[in-house]
Amino acid sequence: MDSVLERLRGVCVGLPEVTERLSHGEPCWFAGGKKMFVMFADHHHDDRLGFWCAAPPGVQEELVAGEPERFFRPPYVGHRGWLGVYLDVPVDWVEIGEIVTDAYRTVASKKLVAALDTK
């Protein structure tokens, strides 16, 4: 589990002006220190390891319908379009990087997105 958390942490903190702090007992990452875009879920509400993240409109429905063994609608934030991603299955870390970057873009300010685009 520690290696999975460390890999996810590395993806998140590689984005501009990201901070990490605990929220609801789990590591979470915030764009510009203000808006959460990823929350680690270490068996948070079930017996699965994963993370919850902001997602562009329609992405949650598409991924959950297409691959329910890898993606889910998380409690509390699923109704807002957030996506749940299981990490206790074979993980494609390139794809995780894309999902996390999309999550960041979904909540980050225009200034931060511009900084990301010039990176």
N, C-alpha and C. Protein backbone atom coordinates (compact mmCIF):
# COMPACT_ATOMS: atom_id res chain seq x y z
N MET A 1 0.82 -1.19 0.00
CA MET A 1 0.00 0.00 0.00
C MET A 1 0.86 1.25 0.00
N ASP A 2 1.94 1.25 0.77
CA ASP A 2 2.80 2.43 0.82
C ASP A 2 3.34 2.80 -0.55
N SER A 3 3.73 1.80 -1.35
CA SER A 3 4.27 2.10 -2.68
C SER A 3 3.19 2.69 -3.59
N VAL A 4 1.94 2.22 -3.44
CA VAL A 4 0.84 2.77 -4.24
C VAL A 4 0.60 4.22 -3.83
N LEU A 5 0.56 4.48 -2.53
CA LEU A 5 0.38 5.85 -2.05
C LEU A 5 1.53 6.74 -2.52
N GLU A 6 2.75 6.25 -2.44
CA GLU A 6 3.89 7.05 -2.88
C GLU A 6 3.84 7.35 -4.37
N ARG A 7 3.41 6.40 -5.17
CA ARG A 7 3.29 6.64 -6.62
C ARG A 7 2.21 7.67 -6.90
N LEU A 8 1.06 7.54 -6.24
CA LEU A 8 -0.01 8.52 -6.43
C LEU A 8 0.43 9.89 -5.95
N ARG A 9 1.09 9.95 -4.83
CA ARG A 9 1.61 11.21 -4.31
C ARG A 9 2.55 11.86 -5.33
N GLY A 10 3.43 11.07 -5.92
CA GLY A 10 4.37 11.59 -6.91
C GLY A 10 3.67 12.19 -8.11
N VAL A 11 2.59 11.55 -8.55
CA VAL A 11 1.82 12.08 -9.68
C VAL A 11 1.19 13.42 -9.29
N CYS A 12 0.59 13.46 -8.11
CA CYS A 12 -0.12 14.67 -7.68
C CYS A 12 0.82 15.85 -7.44
N VAL A 13 1.89 15.62 -6.70
CA VAL A 13 2.77 16.75 -6.36
C VAL A 13 3.62 17.20 -7.53
N GLY A 14 3.59 16.47 -8.62
CA GLY A 14 4.29 16.90 -9.83
C GLY A 14 3.56 18.00 -10.59
N LEU A 15 2.36 18.33 -10.14
CA LEU A 15 1.57 19.39 -10.79
C LEU A 15 1.83 20.72 -10.09
N PRO A 16 1.62 21.84 -10.78
CA PRO A 16 1.95 23.16 -10.22
C PRO A 16 1.18 23.50 -8.93
N GLU A 17 1.91 23.97 -7.94
CA GLU A 17 1.37 24.51 -6.70
C GLU A 17 0.38 23.57 -6.00
N VAL A 18 0.77 22.31 -5.90
CA VAL A 18 -0.06 21.32 -5.21
C VAL A 18 0.41 21.19 -3.77
N THR A 19 -0.54 21.14 -2.85
CA THR A 19 -0.25 20.88 -1.45
C THR A 19 -0.97 19.60 -1.04
N GLU A 20 -0.43 18.96 -0.02
CA GLU A 20 -1.04 17.75 0.52
C GLU A 20 -1.38 17.99 1.98
N ARG A 21 -2.54 17.52 2.37
CA ARG A 21 -2.90 17.52 3.79
C ARG A 21 -3.97 16.45 4.01
N LEU A 22 -4.13 16.07 5.27
CA LEU A 22 -5.14 15.08 5.60
C LEU A 22 -6.51 15.71 5.60
N SER A 23 -7.48 14.96 5.10
CA SER A 23 -8.88 15.34 5.17
C SER A 23 -9.66 14.04 5.38
N HIS A 24 -10.50 14.03 6.38
CA HIS A 24 -11.26 12.82 6.72
C HIS A 24 -10.32 11.63 6.95
N GLY A 25 -9.13 11.91 7.48
CA GLY A 25 -8.18 10.86 7.82
C GLY A 25 -7.39 10.30 6.66
N GLU A 26 -7.52 10.88 5.48
CA GLU A 26 -6.84 10.36 4.28
C GLU A 26 -5.98 11.46 3.66
N PRO A 27 -4.84 11.10 3.02
CA PRO A 27 -4.07 12.09 2.29
C PRO A 27 -4.89 12.63 1.11
N CYS A 28 -4.86 13.95 0.97
CA CYS A 28 -5.58 14.62 -0.13
C CYS A 28 -4.66 15.66 -0.73
N TRP A 29 -4.90 15.96 -2.01
CA TRP A 29 -4.09 16.93 -2.72
C TRP A 29 -4.96 18.06 -3.22
N PHE A 30 -4.42 19.28 -3.10
CA PHE A 30 -5.15 20.49 -3.37
C PHE A 30 -4.42 21.35 -4.40
N ALA A 31 -5.15 21.82 -5.39
CA ALA A 31 -4.60 22.72 -6.42
C ALA A 31 -4.53 24.12 -5.82
N GLY A 32 -3.35 24.70 -5.84
CA GLY A 32 -3.19 26.03 -5.29
C GLY A 32 -3.43 26.09 -3.79
N GLY A 33 -3.38 24.94 -3.14
CA GLY A 33 -3.60 24.89 -1.69
C GLY A 33 -5.05 25.05 -1.28
N LYS A 34 -5.96 25.17 -2.25
CA LYS A 34 -7.35 25.49 -1.92
C LYS A 34 -8.35 24.42 -2.32
N LYS A 35 -8.29 23.97 -3.55
CA LYS A 35 -9.34 23.08 -4.06
C LYS A 35 -8.83 21.65 -4.17
N MET A 36 -9.50 20.74 -3.44
CA MET A 36 -9.13 19.34 -3.49
C MET A 36 -9.42 18.77 -4.88
N PHE A 37 -8.45 18.00 -5.39
CA PHE A 37 -8.68 17.34 -6.67
C PHE A 37 -8.48 15.83 -6.59
N VAL A 38 -7.78 15.34 -5.57
CA VAL A 38 -7.60 13.90 -5.38
C VAL A 38 -7.64 13.60 -3.88
N MET A 39 -8.35 12.50 -3.54
CA MET A 39 -8.38 12.00 -2.17
C MET A 39 -8.04 10.51 -2.20
N PHE A 40 -6.99 10.13 -1.48
CA PHE A 40 -6.63 8.73 -1.35
C PHE A 40 -7.72 8.04 -0.54
N ALA A 41 -8.03 6.80 -0.87
CA ALA A 41 -9.08 6.06 -0.17
C ALA A 41 -8.55 4.69 0.22
N ASP A 42 -7.95 4.62 1.41
CA ASP A 42 -7.39 3.38 1.92
C ASP A 42 -8.48 2.66 2.71
N HIS A 43 -9.33 1.93 1.97
CA HIS A 43 -10.45 1.21 2.58
C HIS A 43 -11.36 2.18 3.33
N HIS A 44 -11.54 3.35 2.76
CA HIS A 44 -12.26 4.44 3.42
C HIS A 44 -13.72 4.09 3.71
N HIS A 45 -14.41 3.51 2.75
CA HIS A 45 -15.82 3.16 2.95
C HIS A 45 -16.13 1.72 2.57
N ASP A 46 -15.12 0.96 2.22
CA ASP A 46 -15.32 -0.43 1.85
C ASP A 46 -13.99 -1.16 2.03
N ASP A 47 -13.87 -2.31 1.44
CA ASP A 47 -12.64 -3.08 1.61
C ASP A 47 -11.68 -2.90 0.43
N ARG A 48 -11.83 -1.80 -0.31
CA ARG A 48 -11.02 -1.57 -1.51
C ARG A 48 -10.04 -0.42 -1.30
N LEU A 49 -8.93 -0.47 -2.03
CA LEU A 49 -7.94 0.59 -2.06
C LEU A 49 -8.12 1.37 -3.35
N GLY A 50 -8.12 2.68 -3.26
CA GLY A 50 -8.29 3.49 -4.47
C GLY A 50 -8.11 4.96 -4.18
N PHE A 51 -8.62 5.77 -5.07
CA PHE A 51 -8.67 7.22 -4.85
C PHE A 51 -9.91 7.78 -5.51
N TRP A 52 -10.32 8.94 -5.02
CA TRP A 52 -11.44 9.68 -5.58
C TRP A 52 -10.87 10.94 -6.19
N CYS A 53 -11.41 11.37 -7.32
CA CYS A 53 -10.89 12.58 -7.94
C CYS A 53 -11.97 13.33 -8.71
N ALA A 54 -11.75 14.62 -8.84
CA ALA A 54 -12.62 15.43 -9.69
C ALA A 54 -12.49 14.89 -11.11
N ALA A 55 -13.55 15.06 -11.90
CA ALA A 55 -13.51 14.57 -13.28
C ALA A 55 -14.31 15.52 -14.17
N PRO A 56 -13.89 15.68 -15.41
CA PRO A 56 -14.66 16.50 -16.35
C PRO A 56 -16.06 15.91 -16.53
N PRO A 57 -17.01 16.74 -16.94
CA PRO A 57 -18.38 16.26 -17.12
C PRO A 57 -18.46 15.03 -18.03
N GLY A 58 -19.23 14.05 -17.58
CA GLY A 58 -19.47 12.85 -18.37
C GLY A 58 -18.45 11.74 -18.22
N VAL A 59 -17.28 12.05 -17.70
CA VAL A 59 -16.20 11.05 -17.61
C VAL A 59 -16.55 9.95 -16.61
N GLN A 60 -17.07 10.33 -15.46
CA GLN A 60 -17.42 9.32 -14.46
C GLN A 60 -18.37 8.28 -15.04
N GLU A 61 -19.44 8.73 -15.65
CA GLU A 61 -20.44 7.81 -16.20
C GLU A 61 -19.82 6.89 -17.25
N GLU A 62 -19.02 7.46 -18.13
CA GLU A 62 -18.39 6.68 -19.21
C GLU A 62 -17.46 5.60 -18.66
N LEU A 63 -16.57 5.97 -17.75
CA LEU A 63 -15.60 5.01 -17.24
C LEU A 63 -16.23 3.95 -16.34
N VAL A 64 -17.16 4.36 -15.48
CA VAL A 64 -17.80 3.40 -14.59
C VAL A 64 -18.62 2.39 -15.41
N ALA A 65 -19.34 2.87 -16.41
CA ALA A 65 -20.13 1.97 -17.26
C ALA A 65 -19.24 1.03 -18.06
N GLY A 66 -18.11 1.54 -18.54
CA GLY A 66 -17.23 0.74 -19.40
C GLY A 66 -16.33 -0.23 -18.67
N GLU A 67 -15.87 0.14 -17.45
CA GLU A 67 -14.93 -0.70 -16.70
C GLU A 67 -15.23 -0.65 -15.20
N PRO A 68 -16.35 -1.22 -14.78
CA PRO A 68 -16.72 -1.15 -13.35
C PRO A 68 -15.76 -1.90 -12.43
N GLU A 69 -14.91 -2.73 -12.98
CA GLU A 69 -13.91 -3.41 -12.16
C GLU A 69 -12.74 -2.48 -11.82
N ARG A 70 -12.63 -1.36 -12.53
CA ARG A 70 -11.54 -0.40 -12.31
C ARG A 70 -12.01 0.95 -11.80
N PHE A 71 -13.26 1.31 -12.09
CA PHE A 71 -13.77 2.63 -11.75
C PHE A 71 -15.11 2.53 -11.03
N PHE A 72 -15.40 3.50 -10.17
CA PHE A 72 -16.65 3.50 -9.43
C PHE A 72 -17.10 4.93 -9.13
N ARG A 73 -18.35 5.03 -8.73
CA ARG A 73 -18.91 6.31 -8.30
C ARG A 73 -18.72 6.40 -6.79
N PRO A 74 -17.85 7.31 -6.31
CA PRO A 74 -17.56 7.37 -4.88
C PRO A 74 -18.71 7.97 -4.08
N PRO A 75 -18.82 7.57 -2.81
CA PRO A 75 -19.84 8.17 -1.96
C PRO A 75 -19.54 9.66 -1.72
N TYR A 76 -20.55 10.40 -1.37
CA TYR A 76 -20.47 11.82 -1.00
C TYR A 76 -20.18 12.77 -2.15
N VAL A 77 -19.25 12.43 -3.02
CA VAL A 77 -18.87 13.34 -4.11
C VAL A 77 -19.23 12.80 -5.49
N GLY A 78 -19.69 11.57 -5.56
CA GLY A 78 -20.05 10.97 -6.84
C GLY A 78 -21.15 11.72 -7.55
N HIS A 79 -22.09 12.25 -6.78
CA HIS A 79 -23.19 13.01 -7.41
C HIS A 79 -22.70 14.29 -8.07
N ARG A 80 -21.49 14.74 -7.72
CA ARG A 80 -20.90 15.93 -8.34
C ARG A 80 -20.00 15.57 -9.52
N GLY A 81 -20.01 14.29 -9.91
CA GLY A 81 -19.24 13.86 -11.07
C GLY A 81 -17.86 13.33 -10.75
N TRP A 82 -17.50 13.28 -9.46
CA TRP A 82 -16.19 12.76 -9.10
C TRP A 82 -16.09 11.28 -9.47
N LEU A 83 -14.88 10.84 -9.75
CA LEU A 83 -14.60 9.49 -10.18
C LEU A 83 -13.83 8.75 -9.10
N GLY A 84 -14.18 7.49 -8.88
CA GLY A 84 -13.42 6.61 -8.02
C GLY A 84 -12.57 5.69 -8.88
N VAL A 85 -11.31 5.51 -8.49
CA VAL A 85 -10.38 4.67 -9.24
C VAL A 85 -9.80 3.64 -8.27
N TYR A 86 -10.00 2.35 -8.59
CA TYR A 86 -9.44 1.29 -7.76
C TYR A 86 -7.94 1.16 -8.01
N LEU A 87 -7.21 0.97 -6.91
CA LEU A 87 -5.76 0.77 -7.00
C LEU A 87 -5.35 -0.63 -6.55
N ASP A 88 -6.34 -1.49 -6.28
CA ASP A 88 -6.05 -2.86 -5.90
C ASP A 88 -6.26 -3.84 -7.06
N VAL A 89 -6.18 -3.30 -8.27
CA VAL A 89 -6.23 -4.06 -9.51
C VAL A 89 -4.97 -3.70 -10.30
N PRO A 90 -4.64 -4.38 -11.38
CA PRO A 90 -3.49 -3.95 -12.18
C PRO A 90 -3.67 -2.48 -12.62
N VAL A 91 -2.65 -1.68 -12.36
CA VAL A 91 -2.74 -0.23 -12.56
C VAL A 91 -1.83 0.22 -13.70
N ASP A 92 -2.37 1.01 -14.59
CA ASP A 92 -1.61 1.65 -15.66
C ASP A 92 -1.27 3.05 -15.15
N TRP A 93 -0.04 3.26 -14.72
CA TRP A 93 0.31 4.54 -14.09
C TRP A 93 0.34 5.70 -15.09
N VAL A 94 0.51 5.42 -16.36
CA VAL A 94 0.40 6.49 -17.36
C VAL A 94 -1.05 6.98 -17.39
N GLU A 95 -1.98 6.04 -17.40
CA GLU A 95 -3.40 6.41 -17.38
C GLU A 95 -3.76 7.13 -16.09
N ILE A 96 -3.23 6.68 -14.96
CA ILE A 96 -3.49 7.35 -13.68
C ILE A 96 -2.99 8.79 -13.76
N GLY A 97 -1.83 9.00 -14.36
CA GLY A 97 -1.31 10.35 -14.53
C GLY A 97 -2.26 11.22 -15.34
N GLU A 98 -2.84 10.65 -16.37
CA GLU A 98 -3.80 11.42 -17.19
C GLU A 98 -5.07 11.73 -16.41
N ILE A 99 -5.56 10.77 -15.65
CA ILE A 99 -6.77 10.98 -14.84
C ILE A 99 -6.52 12.06 -13.79
N VAL A 100 -5.38 11.98 -13.11
CA VAL A 100 -5.04 12.97 -12.08
C VAL A 100 -4.87 14.36 -12.70
N THR A 101 -4.22 14.43 -13.85
CA THR A 101 -4.05 15.72 -14.52
C THR A 101 -5.40 16.30 -14.93
N ASP A 102 -6.30 15.47 -15.43
CA ASP A 102 -7.66 15.94 -15.75
C ASP A 102 -8.38 16.43 -14.51
N ALA A 103 -8.19 15.73 -13.39
CA ALA A 103 -8.81 16.15 -12.12
C ALA A 103 -8.29 17.54 -11.72
N TYR A 104 -6.99 17.72 -11.84
CA TYR A 104 -6.37 19.01 -11.52
C TYR A 104 -6.95 20.11 -12.40
N ARG A 105 -7.01 19.85 -13.70
CA ARG A 105 -7.55 20.84 -14.64
C ARG A 105 -9.01 21.19 -14.32
N THR A 106 -9.74 20.22 -13.79
CA THR A 106 -11.16 20.42 -13.48
C THR A 106 -11.36 21.44 -12.36
N VAL A 107 -10.45 21.49 -11.39
CA VAL A 107 -10.66 22.37 -10.24
C VAL A 107 -9.68 23.55 -10.17
N ALA A 108 -8.56 23.48 -10.86
CA ALA A 108 -7.52 24.51 -10.74
C ALA A 108 -7.94 25.82 -11.39
N SER A 109 -7.35 26.88 -10.89
CA SER A 109 -7.59 28.21 -11.47
C SER A 109 -7.00 28.28 -12.87
N LYS A 110 -7.43 29.27 -13.63
CA LYS A 110 -6.89 29.46 -14.99
C LYS A 110 -5.38 29.68 -14.95
N LYS A 111 -4.93 30.37 -13.94
CA LYS A 111 -3.49 30.64 -13.79
C LYS A 111 -2.71 29.34 -13.60
N LEU A 112 -3.24 28.43 -12.77
CA LEU A 112 -2.55 27.16 -12.54
C LEU A 112 -2.60 26.26 -13.77
N VAL A 113 -3.73 26.26 -14.47
CA VAL A 113 -3.83 25.47 -15.70
C VAL A 113 -2.84 26.01 -16.74
N ALA A 114 -2.70 27.33 -16.82
CA ALA A 114 -1.73 27.91 -17.74
C ALA A 114 -0.31 27.50 -17.36
N ALA A 115 -0.01 27.45 -16.06
CA ALA A 115 1.31 27.02 -15.59
C ALA A 115 1.53 25.55 -15.98
N LEU A 116 0.51 24.74 -15.86
CA LEU A 116 0.61 23.34 -16.25
C LEU A 116 0.88 23.21 -17.75
N ASP A 117 0.21 24.01 -18.54
CA ASP A 117 0.35 23.95 -19.99
C ASP A 117 1.72 24.41 -20.47
N THR A 118 2.41 25.22 -19.69
CA THR A 118 3.75 25.68 -20.08
C THR A 118 4.85 24.78 -19.54
N LYS A 119 4.47 23.80 -18.76
CA LYS A 119 5.41 22.87 -18.13
C LYS A 119 6.04 21.94 -19.14
